[in-house]
């Protein structure tokens, strides 16, 4: 079990929040690599080993799972160059990164976030999930009502439409779920956990609880990826 992050990791992230500029970061880059990134890679590797018991198709190389510290500022008004947290995501094998439903967690000096679900579905994925919900809404409601989910992750979150989208019935029992544009479970934890061995347990407990939710959302999307490309028959 990973020991958690050293105290220097949170000190570094706290300092970066106040001094988000290259002149401050570059002399301290080694601190980031040794005290922040290295423990994060160790934590992701341990989570991979744990997830093989309940989500083996999400095991991913730690280097691929952990996000870069550098922000993409090309289209942002905020030109600060660095993220003030470290994060990792776990995408299902065979899916493009960030496609489908996946697992996520981040650590900052202010909070720890543990989340999972569908964040930015393509139009095709959005329709596939909604059609899946029309037929299987009762199953998702059962998943969301399970005690481990309610206790550790709360209720369904995410952006939603003000009304049911065109082509779906407003009076159908699935209408509330179909209105969603995102389907997310989200939990925020005390940042003090980051420097303790309990961090691994709290994250893995939530990942395990949300596994049926992730599998439910990915079921129709996996079918999309198995569908043959019609262009293959034109040769």
C-alpha atoms as a PDB file:
ATOM      1  CA  UNK A   1       0.000   0.000   0.000  1.00  0.00           C
ATOM      2  CA  UNK A   2       1.439   3.415  -0.946  1.00  0.00           C
ATOM      3  CA  UNK A   3       2.364   5.624   1.964  1.00  0.00           C
ATOM      4  CA  UNK A   4       0.794   8.686   0.374  1.00  0.00           C
ATOM      5  CA  UNK A   5       2.445  11.922  -0.668  1.00  0.00           C
ATOM      6  CA  UNK A   6       5.191  13.509   1.434  1.00  0.00           C
ATOM      7  CA  UNK A   7       4.339  16.762   3.166  1.00  0.00           C
ATOM      8  CA  UNK A   8       6.625  18.537   0.696  1.00  0.00           C
ATOM      9  CA  UNK A   9       4.189  17.670  -2.102  1.00  0.00           C
ATOM     10  CA  UNK A  10       1.379  19.734  -0.622  1.00  0.00           C
ATOM     11  CA  UNK A  11       3.826  22.491   0.254  1.00  0.00           C
ATOM     12  CA  UNK A  12       4.945  22.553  -3.372  1.00  0.00           C
ATOM     13  CA  UNK A  13       1.364  22.678  -4.705  1.00  0.00           C
ATOM     14  CA  UNK A  14       0.470  25.377  -2.202  1.00  0.00           C
ATOM     15  CA  UNK A  15       3.479  27.412  -3.289  1.00  0.00           C
ATOM     16  CA  UNK A  16       2.588  26.927  -6.954  1.00  0.00           C
ATOM     17  CA  UNK A  17      -0.880  28.375  -6.336  1.00  0.00           C
ATOM     18  CA  UNK A  18       0.766  31.574  -5.105  1.00  0.00           C
ATOM     19  CA  UNK A  19       3.616  31.636  -7.640  1.00  0.00           C
ATOM     20  CA  UNK A  20       2.229  30.196 -10.870  1.00  0.00           C
ATOM     21  CA  UNK A  21       5.002  31.304 -13.162  1.00  0.00           C
ATOM     22  CA  UNK A  22       7.992  29.711 -14.867  1.00  0.00           C
ATOM     23  CA  UNK A  23      10.580  31.631 -12.838  1.00  0.00           C
ATOM     24  CA  UNK A  24       9.276  30.003  -9.646  1.00  0.00           C
ATOM     25  CA  UNK A  25       8.648  26.520 -11.048  1.00  0.00           C
ATOM     26  CA  UNK A  26      11.855  25.802 -12.949  1.00  0.00           C
ATOM     27  CA  UNK A  27      14.252  25.973  -9.951  1.00  0.00           C
ATOM     28  CA  UNK A  28      11.860  23.663  -8.090  1.00  0.00           C
ATOM     29  CA  UNK A  29      11.135  21.236 -10.926  1.00  0.00           C
ATOM     30  CA  UNK A  30      13.102  18.456  -9.228  1.00  0.00           C
ATOM     31  CA  UNK A  31      10.906  18.841  -6.141  1.00  0.00           C
ATOM     32  CA  UNK A  32       7.876  18.348  -8.360  1.00  0.00           C
ATOM     33  CA  UNK A  33       9.361  15.264 -10.032  1.00  0.00           C
ATOM     34  CA  UNK A  34      10.485  13.604  -6.784  1.00  0.00           C
ATOM     35  CA  UNK A  35       7.856  14.703  -4.283  1.00  0.00           C
ATOM     36  CA  UNK A  36       4.715  15.060  -6.401  1.00  0.00           C
ATOM     37  CA  UNK A  37       4.944  13.105  -9.648  1.00  0.00           C
ATOM     38  CA  UNK A  38       6.878  10.055  -8.380  1.00  0.00           C
ATOM     39  CA  UNK A  39       4.434   9.323  -5.508  1.00  0.00           C
ATOM     40  CA  UNK A  40       1.557   9.846  -7.953  1.00  0.00           C
ATOM     41  CA  UNK A  41       2.980   7.226 -10.321  1.00  0.00           C
ATOM     42  CA  UNK A  42       3.358   4.832  -7.396  1.00  0.00           C
ATOM     43  CA  UNK A  43      -0.237   5.453  -6.336  1.00  0.00           C
ATOM     44  CA  UNK A  44      -1.575   4.871  -9.865  1.00  0.00           C
ATOM     45  CA  UNK A  45       0.411   1.624 -10.128  1.00  0.00           C
ATOM     46  CA  UNK A  46      -1.148   0.416  -6.866  1.00  0.00           C
ATOM     47  CA  UNK A  47      -4.627   1.379  -8.053  1.00  0.00           C
ATOM     48  CA  UNK A  48      -4.008  -0.544 -11.281  1.00  0.00           C
ATOM     49  CA  UNK A  49      -3.221  -3.657  -9.274  1.00  0.00           C
ATOM     50  CA  UNK A  50      -6.364  -3.173  -7.188  1.00  0.00           C
ATOM     51  CA  UNK A  51      -8.607  -2.499 -10.206  1.00  0.00           C
ATOM     52  CA  UNK A  52      -7.637  -5.761 -11.857  1.00  0.00           C
ATOM     53  CA  UNK A  53     -10.102  -7.372  -9.434  1.00  0.00           C
ATOM     54  CA  UNK A  54     -13.144  -5.300 -10.527  1.00  0.00           C
ATOM     55  CA  UNK A  55     -12.172  -3.248 -13.623  1.00  0.00           C
ATOM     56  CA  UNK A  56      -9.286  -5.055 -15.354  1.00  0.00           C
ATOM     57  CA  UNK A  57      -9.931  -3.370 -18.697  1.00  0.00           C
ATOM     58  CA  UNK A  58      -9.022  -0.015 -17.113  1.00  0.00           C
ATOM     59  CA  UNK A  59      -5.487  -0.906 -16.030  1.00  0.00           C
ATOM     60  CA  UNK A  60      -3.171   1.609 -17.700  1.00  0.00           C
ATOM     61  CA  UNK A  61       0.508   2.465 -17.609  1.00  0.00           C
ATOM     62  CA  UNK A  62       0.987   5.087 -14.873  1.00  0.00           C
ATOM     63  CA  UNK A  63       2.909   7.386 -17.242  1.00  0.00           C
ATOM     64  CA  UNK A  64      -0.110   7.446 -19.554  1.00  0.00           C
ATOM     65  CA  UNK A  65      -2.629   7.890 -16.764  1.00  0.00           C
ATOM     66  CA  UNK A  66      -1.009  10.876 -15.025  1.00  0.00           C
ATOM     67  CA  UNK A  67      -1.647  14.283 -16.574  1.00  0.00           C
ATOM     68  CA  UNK A  68       1.111  16.747 -17.360  1.00  0.00           C
ATOM     69  CA  UNK A  69       1.594  19.669 -14.990  1.00  0.00           C
ATOM     70  CA  UNK A  70       1.624  22.092 -17.915  1.00  0.00           C
ATOM     71  CA  UNK A  71      -1.636  23.818 -18.851  1.00  0.00           C
ATOM     72  CA  UNK A  72      -2.799  24.248 -22.447  1.00  0.00           C
ATOM     73  CA  UNK A  73      -3.179  28.021 -22.569  1.00  0.00           C
ATOM     74  CA  UNK A  74      -3.670  28.411 -26.339  1.00  0.00           C
ATOM     75  CA  UNK A  75      -7.407  29.089 -26.109  1.00  0.00           C
ATOM     76  CA  UNK A  76      -7.670  30.173 -22.487  1.00  0.00           C
ATOM     77  CA  UNK A  77      -7.896  33.634 -20.987  1.00  0.00           C
ATOM     78  CA  UNK A  78      -6.043  32.272 -17.974  1.00  0.00           C
ATOM     79  CA  UNK A  79      -2.385  32.260 -19.061  1.00  0.00           C
ATOM     80  CA  UNK A  80      -0.915  30.771 -15.898  1.00  0.00           C
ATOM     81  CA  UNK A  81       1.363  27.988 -17.183  1.00  0.00           C
ATOM     82  CA  UNK A  82       0.894  25.251 -14.567  1.00  0.00           C
ATOM     83  CA  UNK A  83      -1.902  23.226 -13.033  1.00  0.00           C
ATOM     84  CA  UNK A  84      -2.039  23.523  -9.261  1.00  0.00           C
ATOM     85  CA  UNK A  85      -3.078  19.882  -8.810  1.00  0.00           C
ATOM     86  CA  UNK A  86      -1.894  16.508 -10.046  1.00  0.00           C
ATOM     87  CA  UNK A  87      -4.439  14.168 -11.603  1.00  0.00           C
ATOM     88  CA  UNK A  88      -4.846  10.823 -13.314  1.00  0.00           C
ATOM     89  CA  UNK A  89      -7.539   9.244 -15.463  1.00  0.00           C
ATOM     90  CA  UNK A  90      -8.246   5.629 -16.347  1.00  0.00           C
ATOM     91  CA  UNK A  91      -9.797   4.988 -19.769  1.00  0.00           C
ATOM     92  CA  UNK A  92     -11.191   1.648 -20.844  1.00  0.00           C
ATOM     93  CA  UNK A  93      -8.856  -0.373 -23.041  1.00  0.00           C
ATOM     94  CA  UNK A  94      -9.810   0.023 -26.705  1.00  0.00           C
ATOM     95  CA  UNK A  95     -11.297   3.505 -26.162  1.00  0.00           C
ATOM     96  CA  UNK A  96      -9.595   6.748 -27.090  1.00  0.00           C
ATOM     97  CA  UNK A  97      -8.352   8.788 -24.128  1.00  0.00           C
ATOM     98  CA  UNK A  98     -11.264  10.589 -22.435  1.00  0.00           C
ATOM     99  CA  UNK A  99     -13.786   8.628 -24.550  1.00  0.00           C
ATOM    100  CA  UNK A 100     -16.535   6.711 -22.839  1.00  0.00           C
ATOM    101  CA  UNK A 101     -16.896   6.412 -19.077  1.00  0.00           C
ATOM    102  CA  UNK A 102     -13.748   6.307 -16.975  1.00  0.00           C
ATOM    103  CA  UNK A 103     -12.239   6.858 -13.548  1.00  0.00           C
ATOM    104  CA  UNK A 104     -10.459  10.009 -12.334  1.00  0.00           C
ATOM    105  CA  UNK A 105      -8.843  11.464  -9.239  1.00  0.00           C
ATOM    106  CA  UNK A 106      -6.804  14.572  -8.432  1.00  0.00           C
ATOM    107  CA  UNK A 107      -4.811  15.883  -5.490  1.00  0.00           C
ATOM    108  CA  UNK A 108      -4.244  19.537  -4.653  1.00  0.00           C
ATOM    109  CA  UNK A 109      -3.380  21.496  -1.536  1.00  0.00           C
ATOM    110  CA  UNK A 110      -7.088  22.368  -1.179  1.00  0.00           C
ATOM    111  CA  UNK A 111      -8.871  19.070  -1.838  1.00  0.00           C
ATOM    112  CA  UNK A 112      -8.815  15.558  -3.211  1.00  0.00           C
ATOM    113  CA  UNK A 113     -11.339  14.759  -5.918  1.00  0.00           C
ATOM    114  CA  UNK A 114     -12.466  11.256  -6.907  1.00  0.00           C
ATOM    115  CA  UNK A 115     -14.838  10.964  -9.837  1.00  0.00           C
ATOM    116  CA  UNK A 116     -16.067   8.743 -12.609  1.00  0.00           C
ATOM    117  CA  UNK A 117     -18.481   8.697 -15.509  1.00  0.00           C
ATOM    118  CA  UNK A 118     -18.948  10.383 -18.875  1.00  0.00           C
ATOM    119  CA  UNK A 119     -17.676  13.958 -19.039  1.00  0.00           C
ATOM    120  CA  UNK A 120     -17.476  15.024 -22.714  1.00  0.00           C
ATOM    121  CA  UNK A 121     -19.395  12.531 -24.881  1.00  0.00           C
ATOM    122  CA  UNK A 122     -19.429  12.910 -28.651  1.00  0.00           C
ATOM    123  CA  UNK A 123     -22.875  13.371 -30.275  1.00  0.00           C
ATOM    124  CA  UNK A 124     -22.868   9.696 -31.262  1.00  0.00           C
ATOM    125  CA  UNK A 125     -21.953   8.600 -27.731  1.00  0.00           C
ATOM    126  CA  UNK A 126     -24.550  10.940 -26.249  1.00  0.00           C
ATOM    127  CA  UNK A 127     -27.328   9.416 -28.346  1.00  0.00           C
ATOM    128  CA  UNK A 128     -26.167   5.852 -27.662  1.00  0.00           C
ATOM    129  CA  UNK A 129     -26.237   6.425 -23.894  1.00  0.00           C
ATOM    130  CA  UNK A 130     -29.669   8.058 -24.034  1.00  0.00           C
ATOM    131  CA  UNK A 131     -31.136   5.206 -26.062  1.00  0.00           C
ATOM    132  CA  UNK A 132     -29.579   2.776 -23.579  1.00  0.00           C
ATOM    133  CA  UNK A 133     -31.222   4.680 -20.727  1.00  0.00           C
ATOM    134  CA  UNK A 134     -34.667   4.495 -22.306  1.00  0.00           C
ATOM    135  CA  UNK A 135     -34.481   0.709 -22.163  1.00  0.00           C
ATOM    136  CA  UNK A 136     -32.450   0.330 -18.951  1.00  0.00           C
ATOM    137  CA  UNK A 137     -33.195   3.335 -16.727  1.00  0.00           C
ATOM    138  CA  UNK A 138     -34.394   1.124 -13.867  1.00  0.00           C
ATOM    139  CA  UNK A 139     -31.049  -0.660 -13.805  1.00  0.00           C
ATOM    140  CA  UNK A 140     -29.127   2.614 -13.511  1.00  0.00           C
ATOM    141  CA  UNK A 141     -31.426   3.832 -10.751  1.00  0.00           C
ATOM    142  CA  UNK A 142     -30.742   0.601  -8.853  1.00  0.00           C
ATOM    143  CA  UNK A 143     -26.994   1.117  -9.272  1.00  0.00           C
ATOM    144  CA  UNK A 144     -27.197   4.705  -8.029  1.00  0.00           C
ATOM    145  CA  UNK A 145     -29.292   3.703  -5.005  1.00  0.00           C
ATOM    146  CA  UNK A 146     -26.807   1.113  -3.711  1.00  0.00           C
ATOM    147  CA  UNK A 147     -25.467   1.983  -0.225  1.00  0.00           C
ATOM    148  CA  UNK A 148     -21.761   2.014  -1.243  1.00  0.00           C
ATOM    149  CA  UNK A 149     -22.551   4.554  -3.968  1.00  0.00           C
ATOM    150  CA  UNK A 150     -24.804   6.733  -1.836  1.00  0.00           C
ATOM    151  CA  UNK A 151     -22.395   6.664   1.108  1.00  0.00           C
ATOM    152  CA  UNK A 152     -19.131   7.386  -0.705  1.00  0.00           C
ATOM    153  CA  UNK A 153     -20.192   9.243  -3.870  1.00  0.00           C
ATOM    154  CA  UNK A 154     -23.636  10.733  -3.325  1.00  0.00           C
ATOM    155  CA  UNK A 155     -26.044  11.263  -6.200  1.00  0.00           C
ATOM    156  CA  UNK A 156     -25.707  11.644  -9.963  1.00  0.00           C
ATOM    157  CA  UNK A 157     -24.127  14.913 -11.082  1.00  0.00           C
ATOM    158  CA  UNK A 158     -23.336  16.647 -14.376  1.00  0.00           C
ATOM    159  CA  UNK A 159     -24.737  19.236 -16.744  1.00  0.00           C
ATOM    160  CA  UNK A 160     -28.253  18.672 -18.015  1.00  0.00           C
ATOM    161  CA  UNK A 161     -30.673  20.102 -20.540  1.00  0.00           C
ATOM    162  CA  UNK A 162     -33.644  22.185 -19.419  1.00  0.00           C
ATOM    163  CA  UNK A 163     -35.958  19.840 -21.316  1.00  0.00           C
ATOM    164  CA  UNK A 164     -35.915  16.354 -22.804  1.00  0.00           C
ATOM    165  CA  UNK A 165     -34.026  16.317 -26.144  1.00  0.00           C
ATOM    166  CA  UNK A 166     -35.873  15.955 -29.419  1.00  0.00           C
ATOM    167  CA  UNK A 167     -36.849  12.388 -30.209  1.00  0.00           C
ATOM    168  CA  UNK A 168     -37.341  11.354 -26.571  1.00  0.00           C
ATOM    169  CA  UNK A 169     -40.627  11.343 -24.643  1.00  0.00           C
ATOM    170  CA  UNK A 170     -40.916  13.839 -21.804  1.00  0.00           C
ATOM    171  CA  UNK A 171     -43.339  11.564 -19.921  1.00  0.00           C
ATOM    172  CA  UNK A 172     -41.102   8.480 -20.076  1.00  0.00           C
ATOM    173  CA  UNK A 173     -39.624   7.255 -16.742  1.00  0.00           C
ATOM    174  CA  UNK A 174     -36.122   7.755 -18.189  1.00  0.00           C
ATOM    175  CA  UNK A 175     -36.719  11.445 -18.980  1.00  0.00           C
ATOM    176  CA  UNK A 176     -34.723  12.789 -16.034  1.00  0.00           C
ATOM    177  CA  UNK A 177     -31.701  10.673 -16.888  1.00  0.00           C
ATOM    178  CA  UNK A 178     -31.992  11.367 -20.619  1.00  0.00           C
ATOM    179  CA  UNK A 179     -31.848  15.116 -19.979  1.00  0.00           C
ATOM    180  CA  UNK A 180     -28.285  14.722 -18.684  1.00  0.00           C
ATOM    181  CA  UNK A 181     -25.417  15.868 -20.923  1.00  0.00           C
ATOM    182  CA  UNK A 182     -22.933  14.353 -18.490  1.00  0.00           C
ATOM    183  CA  UNK A 183     -23.293  11.381 -16.149  1.00  0.00           C
ATOM    184  CA  UNK A 184     -20.905  11.745 -13.212  1.00  0.00           C
ATOM    185  CA  UNK A 185     -20.312  10.539  -9.684  1.00  0.00           C
ATOM    186  CA  UNK A 186     -18.082  12.870  -7.692  1.00  0.00           C
ATOM    187  CA  UNK A 187     -16.588  12.972  -4.212  1.00  0.00           C
ATOM    188  CA  UNK A 188     -14.385  15.580  -2.514  1.00  0.00           C
ATOM    189  CA  UNK A 189     -12.071  14.547   0.316  1.00  0.00           C
ATOM    190  CA  UNK A 190      -9.968  16.348   2.918  1.00  0.00           C
ATOM    191  CA  UNK A 191      -6.508  17.174   1.489  1.00  0.00           C
ATOM    192  CA  UNK A 192      -4.947  16.004   4.759  1.00  0.00           C
ATOM    193  CA  UNK A 193      -5.564  12.422   3.538  1.00  0.00           C
ATOM    194  CA  UNK A 194      -2.988  12.954   0.791  1.00  0.00           C
ATOM    195  CA  UNK A 195      -0.058  12.433   3.152  1.00  0.00           C
ATOM    196  CA  UNK A 196      -1.422   9.224   4.694  1.00  0.00           C
ATOM    197  CA  UNK A 197      -1.702   5.575   3.601  1.00  0.00           C
ATOM    198  CA  UNK A 198      -5.487   5.972   3.860  1.00  0.00           C
ATOM    199  CA  UNK A 199      -5.483   7.906   0.573  1.00  0.00           C
ATOM    200  CA  UNK A 200      -5.136   4.706  -1.453  1.00  0.00           C
ATOM    201  CA  UNK A 201      -7.987   3.046   0.423  1.00  0.00           C
ATOM    202  CA  UNK A 202     -10.351   5.994   0.051  1.00  0.00           C
ATOM    203  CA  UNK A 203      -9.772   6.228  -3.706  1.00  0.00           C
ATOM    204  CA  UNK A 204      -9.947   2.484  -4.356  1.00  0.00           C
ATOM    205  CA  UNK A 205     -13.121   2.189  -2.255  1.00  0.00           C
ATOM    206  CA  UNK A 206     -14.843   4.783  -4.421  1.00  0.00           C
ATOM    207  CA  UNK A 207     -13.549   3.291  -7.662  1.00  0.00           C
ATOM    208  CA  UNK A 208     -14.930  -0.097  -6.627  1.00  0.00           C
ATOM    209  CA  UNK A 209     -18.298   1.419  -5.676  1.00  0.00           C
ATOM    210  CA  UNK A 210     -18.667   3.195  -9.020  1.00  0.00           C
ATOM    211  CA  UNK A 211     -17.567   0.228 -11.165  1.00  0.00           C
ATOM    212  CA  UNK A 212     -21.134  -0.925 -12.009  1.00  0.00           C
ATOM    213  CA  UNK A 213     -21.993   2.677 -12.961  1.00  0.00           C
ATOM    214  CA  UNK A 214     -18.980   2.897 -15.289  1.00  0.00           C
ATOM    215  CA  UNK A 215     -19.772  -0.480 -16.846  1.00  0.00           C
ATOM    216  CA  UNK A 216     -23.406   0.510 -17.402  1.00  0.00           C
ATOM    217  CA  UNK A 217     -22.454   3.687 -19.287  1.00  0.00           C
ATOM    218  CA  UNK A 218     -19.823   1.922 -21.380  1.00  0.00           C
ATOM    219  CA  UNK A 219     -22.104  -0.943 -22.463  1.00  0.00           C
ATOM    220  CA  UNK A 220     -23.688   0.919 -25.424  1.00  0.00           C
ATOM    221  CA  UNK A 221     -20.390   2.620 -26.299  1.00  0.00           C
ATOM    222  CA  UNK A 222     -18.527  -0.666 -26.564  1.00  0.00           C
ATOM    223  CA  UNK A 223     -21.132  -1.753 -29.119  1.00  0.00           C
ATOM    224  CA  UNK A 224     -20.378   1.355 -31.176  1.00  0.00           C
ATOM    225  CA  UNK A 225     -16.722   0.397 -31.343  1.00  0.00           C
ATOM    226  CA  UNK A 226     -17.510  -3.159 -32.435  1.00  0.00           C
ATOM    227  CA  UNK A 227     -19.704  -1.932 -35.262  1.00  0.00           C
ATOM    228  CA  UNK A 228     -18.003  -2.495 -38.651  1.00  0.00           C
ATOM    229  CA  UNK A 229     -16.907   0.532 -40.628  1.00  0.00           C
ATOM    230  CA  UNK A 230     -19.127   0.647 -43.772  1.00  0.00           C
ATOM    231  CA  UNK A 231     -16.209   2.082 -45.738  1.00  0.00           C
ATOM    232  CA  UNK A 232     -14.421  -1.275 -45.378  1.00  0.00           C
ATOM    233  CA  UNK A 233     -16.876  -2.810 -47.843  1.00  0.00           C
ATOM    234  CA  UNK A 234     -16.169  -0.254 -50.567  1.00  0.00           C
ATOM    235  CA  UNK A 235     -12.711  -1.567 -51.452  1.00  0.00           C
END
